[in-house]
N, C-alpha and C. Protein backbone atom coordinates (compact mmCIF):
# COMPACT_ATOMS: atom_id res chain seq x y z
N MET A 1 33.36 -9.49 -25.03
CA MET A 1 33.81 -9.98 -26.33
C MET A 1 32.64 -10.20 -27.28
N ALA A 2 31.49 -10.58 -26.74
CA ALA A 2 30.31 -10.79 -27.60
C ALA A 2 29.96 -9.51 -28.37
N GLU A 3 29.99 -8.37 -27.66
CA GLU A 3 29.66 -7.10 -28.31
C GLU A 3 30.68 -6.76 -29.40
N PHE A 4 31.95 -7.04 -29.13
CA PHE A 4 33.02 -6.75 -30.09
C PHE A 4 32.78 -7.50 -31.39
N TRP A 5 32.50 -8.80 -31.31
CA TRP A 5 32.34 -9.60 -32.52
C TRP A 5 31.01 -9.35 -33.21
N GLU A 6 29.97 -9.09 -32.44
CA GLU A 6 28.69 -8.78 -33.08
C GLU A 6 28.80 -7.48 -33.89
N LYS A 7 29.46 -6.49 -33.31
CA LYS A 7 29.67 -5.23 -34.01
C LYS A 7 30.53 -5.43 -35.26
N ALA A 8 31.59 -6.24 -35.13
CA ALA A 8 32.49 -6.47 -36.25
C ALA A 8 31.78 -7.17 -37.42
N PHE A 9 31.03 -8.21 -37.12
CA PHE A 9 30.33 -8.94 -38.20
C PHE A 9 29.18 -8.12 -38.77
N ASN A 10 28.54 -7.33 -37.92
CA ASN A 10 27.44 -6.51 -38.40
C ASN A 10 27.95 -5.43 -39.37
N GLU A 11 29.11 -4.87 -39.08
CA GLU A 11 29.65 -3.79 -39.91
C GLU A 11 30.41 -4.31 -41.13
N LYS A 12 31.16 -5.40 -40.95
CA LYS A 12 32.06 -5.86 -42.00
C LYS A 12 31.59 -7.13 -42.70
N GLN A 13 30.55 -7.76 -42.17
CA GLN A 13 29.96 -8.96 -42.78
C GLN A 13 31.04 -10.05 -43.00
N GLU A 14 31.23 -10.48 -44.22
CA GLU A 14 32.22 -11.54 -44.50
C GLU A 14 33.61 -10.91 -44.62
N MET A 15 34.13 -10.50 -43.48
CA MET A 15 35.33 -9.64 -43.45
C MET A 15 36.60 -10.32 -43.94
N TRP A 16 36.65 -11.64 -43.91
CA TRP A 16 37.84 -12.34 -44.38
C TRP A 16 37.62 -13.00 -45.75
N GLY A 17 36.52 -12.66 -46.40
CA GLY A 17 36.22 -13.29 -47.68
C GLY A 17 35.68 -14.70 -47.49
N ARG A 18 35.55 -15.41 -48.58
CA ARG A 18 35.01 -16.78 -48.50
C ARG A 18 36.06 -17.86 -48.67
N GLU A 19 37.28 -17.46 -49.02
CA GLU A 19 38.33 -18.44 -49.22
C GLU A 19 38.75 -19.02 -47.88
N PRO A 20 38.74 -20.36 -47.73
CA PRO A 20 39.16 -20.96 -46.45
C PRO A 20 40.62 -20.66 -46.15
N ALA A 21 40.95 -20.62 -44.87
CA ALA A 21 42.33 -20.43 -44.45
C ALA A 21 43.18 -21.63 -44.85
N LYS A 22 44.47 -21.39 -45.04
CA LYS A 22 45.39 -22.47 -45.37
C LYS A 22 45.35 -23.56 -44.29
N SER A 23 45.21 -23.15 -43.03
CA SER A 23 45.16 -24.10 -41.93
C SER A 23 43.95 -25.02 -42.02
N ALA A 24 42.83 -24.49 -42.53
CA ALA A 24 41.63 -25.31 -42.71
C ALA A 24 41.85 -26.36 -43.80
N GLN A 25 42.53 -25.97 -44.87
CA GLN A 25 42.84 -26.93 -45.94
C GLN A 25 43.76 -28.04 -45.42
N LEU A 26 44.74 -27.67 -44.62
CA LEU A 26 45.63 -28.67 -44.03
C LEU A 26 44.87 -29.62 -43.10
N ALA A 27 43.97 -29.04 -42.30
CA ALA A 27 43.16 -29.86 -41.39
C ALA A 27 42.25 -30.79 -42.18
N LYS A 28 41.66 -30.29 -43.26
CA LYS A 28 40.81 -31.12 -44.11
C LYS A 28 41.59 -32.31 -44.65
N ASP A 29 42.78 -32.05 -45.18
CA ASP A 29 43.60 -33.14 -45.72
C ASP A 29 43.89 -34.18 -44.65
N PHE A 30 44.24 -33.71 -43.45
CA PHE A 30 44.55 -34.64 -42.37
C PHE A 30 43.32 -35.43 -41.94
N PHE A 31 42.18 -34.75 -41.80
CA PHE A 31 40.96 -35.44 -41.39
C PHE A 31 40.51 -36.46 -42.43
N VAL A 32 40.61 -36.12 -43.70
CA VAL A 32 40.25 -37.07 -44.76
C VAL A 32 41.15 -38.30 -44.71
N GLU A 33 42.46 -38.07 -44.55
CA GLU A 33 43.42 -39.18 -44.48
C GLU A 33 43.12 -40.11 -43.31
N ASN A 34 42.56 -39.55 -42.24
CA ASN A 34 42.30 -40.34 -41.03
C ASN A 34 40.83 -40.71 -40.87
N SER A 35 40.06 -40.57 -41.94
CA SER A 35 38.65 -41.00 -41.98
C SER A 35 37.80 -40.33 -40.91
N ILE A 36 38.10 -39.05 -40.62
CA ILE A 36 37.30 -38.28 -39.67
C ILE A 36 36.02 -37.83 -40.38
N LYS A 37 34.87 -38.09 -39.78
CA LYS A 37 33.59 -37.87 -40.45
C LYS A 37 32.71 -36.81 -39.80
N ASP A 38 33.04 -36.43 -38.57
CA ASP A 38 32.12 -35.58 -37.80
C ASP A 38 32.96 -34.63 -36.93
N ILE A 39 32.94 -33.32 -37.25
CA ILE A 39 33.82 -32.41 -36.53
C ILE A 39 33.04 -31.24 -35.92
N LEU A 40 33.70 -30.62 -34.94
CA LEU A 40 33.18 -29.41 -34.29
C LEU A 40 34.16 -28.28 -34.56
N ILE A 41 33.62 -27.10 -34.91
CA ILE A 41 34.45 -25.92 -35.10
C ILE A 41 34.01 -24.84 -34.11
N PRO A 42 34.71 -24.69 -32.99
CA PRO A 42 34.41 -23.57 -32.07
C PRO A 42 34.86 -22.26 -32.71
N GLY A 43 34.04 -21.23 -32.60
CA GLY A 43 34.37 -19.95 -33.23
C GLY A 43 34.29 -20.03 -34.74
N ILE A 44 33.19 -20.57 -35.24
CA ILE A 44 33.08 -20.86 -36.67
C ILE A 44 32.85 -19.61 -37.53
N GLY A 45 32.51 -18.48 -36.88
CA GLY A 45 32.29 -17.26 -37.66
C GLY A 45 31.15 -17.44 -38.65
N TYR A 46 31.35 -16.96 -39.89
CA TYR A 46 30.31 -17.11 -40.91
C TYR A 46 30.54 -18.35 -41.77
N GLY A 47 31.49 -19.20 -41.35
CA GLY A 47 31.58 -20.53 -41.94
C GLY A 47 32.58 -20.73 -43.06
N ARG A 48 33.45 -19.74 -43.31
CA ARG A 48 34.35 -19.92 -44.46
C ARG A 48 35.25 -21.14 -44.30
N ASN A 49 35.66 -21.45 -43.06
CA ASN A 49 36.55 -22.58 -42.85
C ASN A 49 35.83 -23.92 -42.77
N ALA A 50 34.50 -23.89 -42.84
CA ALA A 50 33.74 -25.15 -42.90
C ALA A 50 33.73 -25.72 -44.31
N GLN A 51 33.92 -24.86 -45.28
CA GLN A 51 33.75 -25.25 -46.69
C GLN A 51 34.56 -26.48 -47.10
N PRO A 52 35.88 -26.54 -46.85
CA PRO A 52 36.63 -27.71 -47.31
C PRO A 52 36.19 -29.01 -46.66
N PHE A 53 35.71 -28.94 -45.43
CA PHE A 53 35.25 -30.15 -44.76
C PHE A 53 33.93 -30.63 -45.37
N ILE A 54 32.99 -29.72 -45.53
CA ILE A 54 31.69 -30.07 -46.10
C ILE A 54 31.85 -30.64 -47.50
N GLU A 55 32.73 -30.02 -48.30
CA GLU A 55 32.95 -30.48 -49.67
C GLU A 55 33.53 -31.89 -49.72
N ASN A 56 34.12 -32.33 -48.63
CA ASN A 56 34.71 -33.67 -48.58
C ASN A 56 33.91 -34.64 -47.72
N GLY A 57 32.63 -34.34 -47.54
CA GLY A 57 31.73 -35.27 -46.89
C GLY A 57 31.86 -35.35 -45.39
N ILE A 58 32.49 -34.36 -44.78
CA ILE A 58 32.62 -34.33 -43.33
C ILE A 58 31.50 -33.50 -42.74
N LYS A 59 30.81 -34.04 -41.77
CA LYS A 59 29.72 -33.32 -41.11
C LYS A 59 30.30 -32.28 -40.15
N VAL A 60 29.78 -31.06 -40.21
CA VAL A 60 30.32 -29.96 -39.42
C VAL A 60 29.27 -29.40 -38.46
N SER A 61 29.66 -29.24 -37.20
CA SER A 61 28.90 -28.47 -36.23
C SER A 61 29.77 -27.30 -35.80
N GLY A 62 29.14 -26.18 -35.44
CA GLY A 62 29.92 -25.01 -35.08
C GLY A 62 29.35 -24.27 -33.90
N ILE A 63 30.23 -23.53 -33.22
CA ILE A 63 29.84 -22.66 -32.11
C ILE A 63 30.24 -21.24 -32.50
N GLU A 64 29.32 -20.29 -32.31
CA GLU A 64 29.61 -18.91 -32.69
C GLU A 64 28.92 -17.94 -31.75
N ILE A 65 29.66 -16.90 -31.33
CA ILE A 65 29.15 -15.94 -30.36
C ILE A 65 28.29 -14.86 -31.03
N SER A 66 28.47 -14.64 -32.33
CA SER A 66 27.76 -13.57 -33.04
C SER A 66 26.54 -14.10 -33.79
N LYS A 67 25.38 -13.57 -33.49
CA LYS A 67 24.16 -13.95 -34.22
C LYS A 67 24.25 -13.55 -35.68
N THR A 68 24.87 -12.41 -35.96
CA THR A 68 25.02 -11.96 -37.35
C THR A 68 25.86 -12.95 -38.14
N ALA A 69 26.95 -13.43 -37.55
CA ALA A 69 27.79 -14.41 -38.23
C ALA A 69 27.02 -15.70 -38.50
N ILE A 70 26.22 -16.13 -37.54
CA ILE A 70 25.41 -17.34 -37.74
C ILE A 70 24.42 -17.15 -38.88
N GLU A 71 23.80 -15.97 -38.95
CA GLU A 71 22.88 -15.68 -40.05
C GLU A 71 23.60 -15.74 -41.40
N LEU A 72 24.82 -15.22 -41.47
CA LEU A 72 25.61 -15.27 -42.69
C LEU A 72 25.95 -16.71 -43.06
N ALA A 73 26.27 -17.51 -42.06
CA ALA A 73 26.59 -18.93 -42.32
C ALA A 73 25.37 -19.68 -42.83
N ARG A 74 24.21 -19.41 -42.24
CA ARG A 74 22.99 -20.10 -42.68
C ARG A 74 22.61 -19.68 -44.10
N LYS A 75 22.86 -18.42 -44.43
CA LYS A 75 22.59 -17.94 -45.78
C LYS A 75 23.45 -18.68 -46.81
N GLN A 76 24.68 -18.97 -46.43
CA GLN A 76 25.62 -19.64 -47.33
C GLN A 76 25.39 -21.15 -47.38
N TYR A 77 25.13 -21.77 -46.22
CA TYR A 77 25.12 -23.23 -46.13
C TYR A 77 23.76 -23.84 -45.81
N GLY A 78 22.76 -23.02 -45.56
CA GLY A 78 21.45 -23.56 -45.21
C GLY A 78 21.53 -24.38 -43.95
N ASN A 79 21.03 -25.61 -44.01
CA ASN A 79 21.03 -26.49 -42.84
C ASN A 79 22.12 -27.55 -42.92
N GLU A 80 23.15 -27.29 -43.72
CA GLU A 80 24.24 -28.26 -43.84
C GLU A 80 25.06 -28.36 -42.56
N MET A 81 24.98 -27.33 -41.72
CA MET A 81 25.73 -27.33 -40.47
C MET A 81 24.79 -27.20 -39.29
N ASN A 82 25.18 -27.81 -38.17
CA ASN A 82 24.48 -27.64 -36.90
C ASN A 82 25.21 -26.53 -36.14
N LEU A 83 24.52 -25.41 -35.91
CA LEU A 83 25.17 -24.24 -35.31
C LEU A 83 24.61 -23.93 -33.93
N PHE A 84 25.52 -23.70 -33.00
CA PHE A 84 25.15 -23.32 -31.64
C PHE A 84 25.52 -21.86 -31.42
N HIS A 85 24.59 -21.07 -30.93
CA HIS A 85 24.88 -19.67 -30.63
C HIS A 85 25.31 -19.56 -29.17
N GLY A 86 26.53 -19.05 -28.97
CA GLY A 86 27.01 -18.86 -27.61
C GLY A 86 28.52 -18.75 -27.59
N ALA A 87 29.05 -18.46 -26.40
CA ALA A 87 30.49 -18.32 -26.22
C ALA A 87 31.13 -19.68 -25.98
N VAL A 88 32.35 -19.84 -26.45
CA VAL A 88 33.02 -21.14 -26.30
C VAL A 88 33.25 -21.48 -24.83
N ASN A 89 33.30 -20.47 -23.95
CA ASN A 89 33.49 -20.80 -22.53
C ASN A 89 32.23 -21.39 -21.90
N LYS A 90 31.16 -21.48 -22.70
CA LYS A 90 29.93 -22.14 -22.24
C LYS A 90 29.84 -23.58 -22.74
N MET A 91 30.85 -24.05 -23.45
CA MET A 91 30.88 -25.44 -23.90
C MET A 91 30.79 -26.38 -22.70
N PRO A 92 30.18 -27.57 -22.93
CA PRO A 92 29.61 -28.07 -24.18
C PRO A 92 28.16 -27.64 -24.37
N PHE A 93 27.76 -27.54 -25.63
CA PHE A 93 26.38 -27.21 -25.98
C PHE A 93 25.56 -28.47 -26.27
N ASP A 94 26.22 -29.59 -26.37
CA ASP A 94 25.53 -30.88 -26.51
C ASP A 94 26.41 -31.95 -25.87
N ALA A 95 25.88 -33.15 -25.76
CA ALA A 95 26.62 -34.24 -25.12
C ALA A 95 27.37 -35.09 -26.14
N LYS A 96 27.40 -34.64 -27.36
CA LYS A 96 27.99 -35.41 -28.45
C LYS A 96 29.51 -35.43 -28.36
N LYS A 97 30.09 -36.53 -28.82
CA LYS A 97 31.54 -36.63 -28.97
C LYS A 97 31.86 -36.55 -30.47
N TYR A 98 32.92 -35.84 -30.79
CA TYR A 98 33.30 -35.62 -32.19
C TYR A 98 34.62 -36.32 -32.51
N ASP A 99 34.74 -36.78 -33.76
CA ASP A 99 35.99 -37.41 -34.22
C ASP A 99 37.11 -36.39 -34.31
N GLY A 100 36.75 -35.14 -34.64
CA GLY A 100 37.75 -34.10 -34.82
C GLY A 100 37.22 -32.74 -34.40
N ILE A 101 38.12 -31.88 -33.99
CA ILE A 101 37.80 -30.49 -33.64
C ILE A 101 38.83 -29.60 -34.32
N PHE A 102 38.34 -28.53 -34.96
CA PHE A 102 39.23 -27.57 -35.62
C PHE A 102 38.90 -26.19 -35.07
N CYS A 103 39.89 -25.55 -34.48
CA CYS A 103 39.68 -24.26 -33.83
C CYS A 103 40.67 -23.26 -34.39
N TYR A 104 40.19 -22.38 -35.25
CA TYR A 104 41.07 -21.48 -36.00
C TYR A 104 41.11 -20.08 -35.38
N ALA A 105 42.33 -19.63 -35.04
CA ALA A 105 42.59 -18.23 -34.66
C ALA A 105 41.63 -17.71 -33.58
N LEU A 106 41.32 -18.58 -32.64
CA LEU A 106 40.42 -18.21 -31.54
C LEU A 106 41.14 -18.20 -30.20
N ILE A 107 41.93 -19.23 -29.96
CA ILE A 107 42.47 -19.43 -28.62
C ILE A 107 43.34 -18.26 -28.16
N HIS A 108 44.02 -17.60 -29.08
CA HIS A 108 44.90 -16.50 -28.67
C HIS A 108 44.14 -15.23 -28.28
N LEU A 109 42.82 -15.23 -28.47
CA LEU A 109 41.99 -14.10 -28.04
C LEU A 109 41.56 -14.21 -26.58
N LEU A 110 41.93 -15.31 -25.92
CA LEU A 110 41.46 -15.60 -24.57
C LEU A 110 42.58 -15.43 -23.54
N ASP A 111 42.19 -15.24 -22.29
CA ASP A 111 43.19 -15.19 -21.22
C ASP A 111 43.56 -16.62 -20.82
N PHE A 112 44.50 -16.75 -19.89
CA PHE A 112 45.04 -18.07 -19.58
C PHE A 112 43.97 -19.05 -19.12
N GLU A 113 43.13 -18.62 -18.18
CA GLU A 113 42.09 -19.51 -17.66
C GLU A 113 41.11 -19.91 -18.76
N GLU A 114 40.76 -18.96 -19.62
CA GLU A 114 39.83 -19.25 -20.72
C GLU A 114 40.47 -20.19 -21.74
N ARG A 115 41.76 -20.01 -22.01
CA ARG A 115 42.45 -20.91 -22.94
C ARG A 115 42.48 -22.33 -22.39
N GLU A 116 42.83 -22.43 -21.12
CA GLU A 116 42.88 -23.74 -20.48
C GLU A 116 41.52 -24.43 -20.51
N LYS A 117 40.48 -23.65 -20.26
CA LYS A 117 39.12 -24.21 -20.26
C LYS A 117 38.71 -24.64 -21.66
N LEU A 118 39.05 -23.85 -22.68
CA LEU A 118 38.70 -24.21 -24.05
C LEU A 118 39.38 -25.51 -24.46
N ILE A 119 40.68 -25.62 -24.18
CA ILE A 119 41.39 -26.85 -24.55
C ILE A 119 40.79 -28.05 -23.85
N GLN A 120 40.51 -27.91 -22.55
CA GLN A 120 39.93 -29.01 -21.78
C GLN A 120 38.55 -29.38 -22.32
N ASN A 121 37.72 -28.39 -22.60
CA ASN A 121 36.37 -28.67 -23.09
C ASN A 121 36.39 -29.33 -24.46
N CYS A 122 37.29 -28.88 -25.33
CA CYS A 122 37.42 -29.52 -26.64
C CYS A 122 37.88 -30.97 -26.48
N TYR A 123 38.87 -31.17 -25.65
CA TYR A 123 39.38 -32.52 -25.39
C TYR A 123 38.27 -33.43 -24.88
N ASN A 124 37.44 -32.90 -23.99
CA ASN A 124 36.34 -33.70 -23.42
C ASN A 124 35.31 -34.10 -24.47
N GLN A 125 35.19 -33.31 -25.55
CA GLN A 125 34.19 -33.63 -26.57
C GLN A 125 34.74 -34.48 -27.71
N LEU A 126 35.99 -34.94 -27.58
CA LEU A 126 36.57 -35.84 -28.57
C LEU A 126 36.23 -37.29 -28.25
N THR A 127 36.04 -38.07 -29.31
CA THR A 127 35.97 -39.52 -29.15
C THR A 127 37.37 -40.03 -28.81
N GLU A 128 37.45 -41.23 -28.29
CA GLU A 128 38.76 -41.84 -28.05
C GLU A 128 39.52 -41.93 -29.36
N ASN A 129 40.77 -41.51 -29.34
CA ASN A 129 41.65 -41.45 -30.51
C ASN A 129 41.28 -40.34 -31.50
N GLY A 130 40.33 -39.47 -31.11
CA GLY A 130 39.98 -38.33 -31.95
C GLY A 130 41.09 -37.28 -31.93
N PHE A 131 41.04 -36.36 -32.90
CA PHE A 131 42.06 -35.34 -33.06
C PHE A 131 41.47 -33.95 -32.87
N MET A 132 42.26 -33.06 -32.27
CA MET A 132 41.88 -31.64 -32.26
C MET A 132 43.05 -30.82 -32.77
N ILE A 133 42.71 -29.83 -33.60
CA ILE A 133 43.71 -28.97 -34.23
C ILE A 133 43.37 -27.52 -33.90
N PHE A 134 44.35 -26.81 -33.36
CA PHE A 134 44.20 -25.39 -33.04
C PHE A 134 45.20 -24.60 -33.88
N THR A 135 44.83 -23.39 -34.25
CA THR A 135 45.83 -22.46 -34.77
C THR A 135 45.92 -21.28 -33.81
N ALA A 136 47.15 -20.80 -33.63
CA ALA A 136 47.39 -19.73 -32.66
C ALA A 136 48.50 -18.82 -33.17
N ILE A 137 48.32 -17.53 -32.99
CA ILE A 137 49.30 -16.56 -33.46
C ILE A 137 50.62 -16.71 -32.69
N THR A 138 51.74 -16.45 -33.37
CA THR A 138 53.05 -16.63 -32.75
C THR A 138 53.72 -15.29 -32.48
N LYS A 139 54.81 -15.36 -31.74
CA LYS A 139 55.58 -14.16 -31.45
C LYS A 139 56.29 -13.59 -32.67
N ASN A 140 56.26 -14.33 -33.77
CA ASN A 140 56.85 -13.82 -35.02
C ASN A 140 55.94 -12.81 -35.72
N ALA A 141 54.73 -12.63 -35.20
CA ALA A 141 53.81 -11.65 -35.78
C ALA A 141 54.42 -10.25 -35.65
N PRO A 142 54.31 -9.43 -36.70
CA PRO A 142 54.94 -8.10 -36.66
C PRO A 142 54.43 -7.18 -35.57
N GLN A 143 53.19 -7.42 -35.09
CA GLN A 143 52.66 -6.53 -34.06
C GLN A 143 52.94 -7.02 -32.64
N PHE A 144 53.66 -8.16 -32.50
CA PHE A 144 53.98 -8.64 -31.15
C PHE A 144 54.73 -7.56 -30.37
N GLY A 145 54.26 -7.31 -29.16
CA GLY A 145 54.88 -6.30 -28.30
C GLY A 145 54.32 -4.91 -28.49
N LYS A 146 53.40 -4.75 -29.44
CA LYS A 146 52.81 -3.44 -29.69
C LYS A 146 51.43 -3.36 -29.05
N GLY A 147 50.92 -2.16 -28.92
CA GLY A 147 49.62 -1.97 -28.27
C GLY A 147 49.78 -1.90 -26.76
N ASN A 148 48.69 -2.03 -26.05
CA ASN A 148 48.71 -1.93 -24.59
C ASN A 148 49.04 -3.29 -23.96
N TRP A 149 50.04 -3.31 -23.11
CA TRP A 149 50.42 -4.52 -22.40
C TRP A 149 49.30 -4.94 -21.45
N VAL A 150 48.92 -6.22 -21.51
CA VAL A 150 47.87 -6.74 -20.63
C VAL A 150 48.48 -7.65 -19.58
N SER A 151 49.28 -8.62 -20.03
CA SER A 151 49.98 -9.55 -19.16
C SER A 151 51.11 -10.17 -19.99
N LYS A 152 51.83 -11.10 -19.43
CA LYS A 152 52.97 -11.68 -20.16
C LYS A 152 52.55 -12.18 -21.54
N ASP A 153 53.19 -11.66 -22.58
CA ASP A 153 52.97 -12.04 -23.99
C ASP A 153 51.55 -11.75 -24.47
N ARG A 154 50.83 -10.88 -23.78
CA ARG A 154 49.45 -10.55 -24.16
C ARG A 154 49.30 -9.04 -24.27
N TYR A 155 48.76 -8.60 -25.42
CA TYR A 155 48.64 -7.18 -25.71
C TYR A 155 47.28 -6.87 -26.33
N GLU A 156 46.78 -5.68 -26.03
CA GLU A 156 45.53 -5.21 -26.63
C GLU A 156 45.89 -4.33 -27.82
N ILE A 157 45.63 -4.85 -29.03
CA ILE A 157 45.99 -4.10 -30.24
C ILE A 157 44.86 -3.21 -30.73
N HIS A 158 43.62 -3.59 -30.41
CA HIS A 158 42.44 -2.77 -30.67
C HIS A 158 41.58 -2.84 -29.42
N PRO A 159 40.77 -1.83 -29.14
CA PRO A 159 39.87 -1.92 -27.98
C PRO A 159 39.00 -3.17 -28.06
N GLY A 160 39.11 -4.03 -27.06
CA GLY A 160 38.31 -5.25 -27.01
C GLY A 160 39.00 -6.45 -27.61
N ALA A 161 40.16 -6.27 -28.26
CA ALA A 161 40.88 -7.39 -28.89
C ALA A 161 42.23 -7.56 -28.22
N GLN A 162 42.31 -8.50 -27.28
CA GLN A 162 43.54 -8.77 -26.56
C GLN A 162 44.11 -10.09 -27.05
N LEU A 163 45.36 -10.06 -27.55
CA LEU A 163 45.97 -11.23 -28.15
C LEU A 163 47.11 -11.77 -27.30
N PHE A 164 47.09 -13.10 -27.13
CA PHE A 164 48.21 -13.78 -26.50
C PHE A 164 49.07 -14.38 -27.60
N TYR A 165 50.37 -14.10 -27.57
CA TYR A 165 51.29 -14.55 -28.61
C TYR A 165 52.06 -15.77 -28.11
N TYR A 166 51.92 -16.88 -28.85
CA TYR A 166 52.53 -18.13 -28.44
C TYR A 166 53.98 -18.23 -28.90
N ASP A 167 54.78 -18.98 -28.11
CA ASP A 167 56.08 -19.47 -28.56
C ASP A 167 56.09 -20.98 -28.29
N GLY A 168 57.18 -21.64 -28.62
CA GLY A 168 57.23 -23.09 -28.46
C GLY A 168 56.98 -23.54 -27.02
N GLU A 169 57.51 -22.77 -26.08
CA GLU A 169 57.35 -23.13 -24.67
C GLU A 169 55.89 -23.05 -24.23
N SER A 170 55.19 -22.00 -24.61
CA SER A 170 53.79 -21.86 -24.18
C SER A 170 52.89 -22.89 -24.86
N VAL A 171 53.22 -23.28 -26.10
CA VAL A 171 52.46 -24.36 -26.75
C VAL A 171 52.59 -25.64 -25.95
N ILE A 172 53.81 -26.00 -25.59
CA ILE A 172 54.02 -27.23 -24.81
C ILE A 172 53.34 -27.14 -23.45
N ASN A 173 53.48 -26.00 -22.78
CA ASN A 173 52.89 -25.83 -21.46
C ASN A 173 51.38 -26.01 -21.48
N GLU A 174 50.72 -25.53 -22.53
CA GLU A 174 49.26 -25.54 -22.56
C GLU A 174 48.67 -26.79 -23.22
N PHE A 175 49.41 -27.43 -24.14
CA PHE A 175 48.83 -28.53 -24.92
C PHE A 175 49.43 -29.90 -24.64
N ASP A 176 50.59 -29.95 -24.03
CA ASP A 176 51.29 -31.24 -23.93
C ASP A 176 50.48 -32.31 -23.21
N LYS A 177 49.78 -31.94 -22.16
CA LYS A 177 49.02 -32.94 -21.40
C LYS A 177 47.74 -33.36 -22.12
N TYR A 178 47.44 -32.70 -23.24
CA TYR A 178 46.26 -33.06 -24.02
C TYR A 178 46.62 -33.82 -25.29
N GLY A 179 47.71 -34.56 -25.23
CA GLY A 179 48.06 -35.43 -26.34
C GLY A 179 48.71 -34.72 -27.51
N LEU A 180 49.51 -33.69 -27.24
CA LEU A 180 50.19 -32.95 -28.30
C LEU A 180 51.07 -33.88 -29.12
N ILE A 181 50.88 -33.87 -30.45
CA ILE A 181 51.68 -34.75 -31.31
C ILE A 181 52.42 -34.02 -32.42
N GLU A 182 52.00 -32.79 -32.75
CA GLU A 182 52.69 -32.09 -33.82
C GLU A 182 52.43 -30.58 -33.72
N VAL A 183 53.47 -29.81 -34.01
CA VAL A 183 53.34 -28.35 -34.12
C VAL A 183 54.10 -27.93 -35.37
N ILE A 184 53.42 -27.26 -36.29
CA ILE A 184 54.09 -26.72 -37.46
C ILE A 184 53.75 -25.23 -37.57
N GLU A 185 54.55 -24.50 -38.32
CA GLU A 185 54.28 -23.10 -38.54
C GLU A 185 53.61 -22.90 -39.89
N VAL A 186 52.55 -22.11 -39.90
CA VAL A 186 51.79 -21.83 -41.12
C VAL A 186 51.67 -20.32 -41.28
N GLU A 187 51.91 -19.85 -42.48
CA GLU A 187 51.80 -18.41 -42.73
C GLU A 187 50.41 -18.12 -43.25
N GLU A 188 49.60 -17.49 -42.41
CA GLU A 188 48.27 -17.02 -42.81
C GLU A 188 48.40 -15.50 -43.00
N SER A 189 47.39 -14.73 -42.66
CA SER A 189 47.55 -13.27 -42.65
C SER A 189 48.56 -12.87 -41.58
N GLN A 190 48.74 -13.77 -40.61
CA GLN A 190 49.76 -13.64 -39.57
C GLN A 190 50.44 -15.00 -39.42
N PRO A 191 51.67 -15.04 -38.92
CA PRO A 191 52.30 -16.34 -38.66
C PRO A 191 51.58 -17.09 -37.55
N MET A 192 51.25 -18.34 -37.81
CA MET A 192 50.47 -19.16 -36.87
C MET A 192 51.19 -20.47 -36.57
N TYR A 193 50.93 -20.99 -35.38
CA TYR A 193 51.23 -22.39 -35.09
C TYR A 193 49.99 -23.21 -35.42
N TRP A 194 50.22 -24.35 -36.04
CA TRP A 194 49.17 -25.35 -36.33
C TRP A 194 49.43 -26.48 -35.36
N ILE A 195 48.57 -26.62 -34.36
CA ILE A 195 48.83 -27.46 -33.20
C ILE A 195 47.88 -28.66 -33.22
N LYS A 196 48.45 -29.85 -33.27
CA LYS A 196 47.63 -31.07 -33.40
C LYS A 196 47.78 -31.95 -32.16
N CYS A 197 46.65 -32.39 -31.63
CA CYS A 197 46.62 -33.25 -30.45
C CYS A 197 45.73 -34.47 -30.74
N GLN A 198 46.02 -35.55 -30.06
CA GLN A 198 45.17 -36.75 -30.16
C GLN A 198 44.78 -37.22 -28.78
N LYS A 199 43.52 -37.56 -28.62
CA LYS A 199 43.01 -38.06 -27.35
C LYS A 199 43.26 -39.55 -27.26
N ASN A 200 43.93 -39.96 -26.20
CA ASN A 200 44.09 -41.39 -25.92
C ASN A 200 44.28 -41.58 -24.43
N SER A 201 44.38 -42.83 -24.03
CA SER A 201 44.42 -43.14 -22.59
C SER A 201 45.68 -42.62 -21.91
N GLN A 202 46.72 -42.29 -22.71
CA GLN A 202 47.96 -41.81 -22.12
C GLN A 202 47.99 -40.30 -21.92
N SER A 203 47.09 -39.57 -22.63
CA SER A 203 47.00 -38.12 -22.41
C SER A 203 45.96 -37.84 -21.35
N GLN A 204 46.16 -36.76 -20.62
CA GLN A 204 45.29 -36.38 -19.49
C GLN A 204 45.28 -37.49 -18.43
């Protein structure tokens, strides 16, 4: 996967533009309302989704597998963000606990064991009562069921890009024990679930 994303960012640079995703704006509003001051963004890319948080005084750290994407982020934001180069399955990169975690359109690129590990690792890096928000592609996506079948609800639509498509049942199965409190549908370039969890003594 590292080679796939390095090649993609090297060839296409800021491939999604600089406008933050709708899900990032929603997460920003929620984090501001709940006085979240310090967040982690796994799979931060070149940083477009960091913008609304930084503009609202929230400190951002990010994890990114592509060196080219990190260079693009540093060009845009300088040292405003603390960036870790590496794969999310190597988390944690520090011993810090964060008030919030925002993970956009990443989890559905992973297989079951990797998804489970990412959710667990994010949960472990939350402060008590901290929030984590994931977005994940749904079965309402027009390409669901197309491409090469990999496993249940998982298809390879491009070489190196294998997507797992969520439904309500799989969201509950994977997130419920991690303090799942809300799931809404958001229309991005693809239909997404916006999945919110809170860490407390009753979850996990």
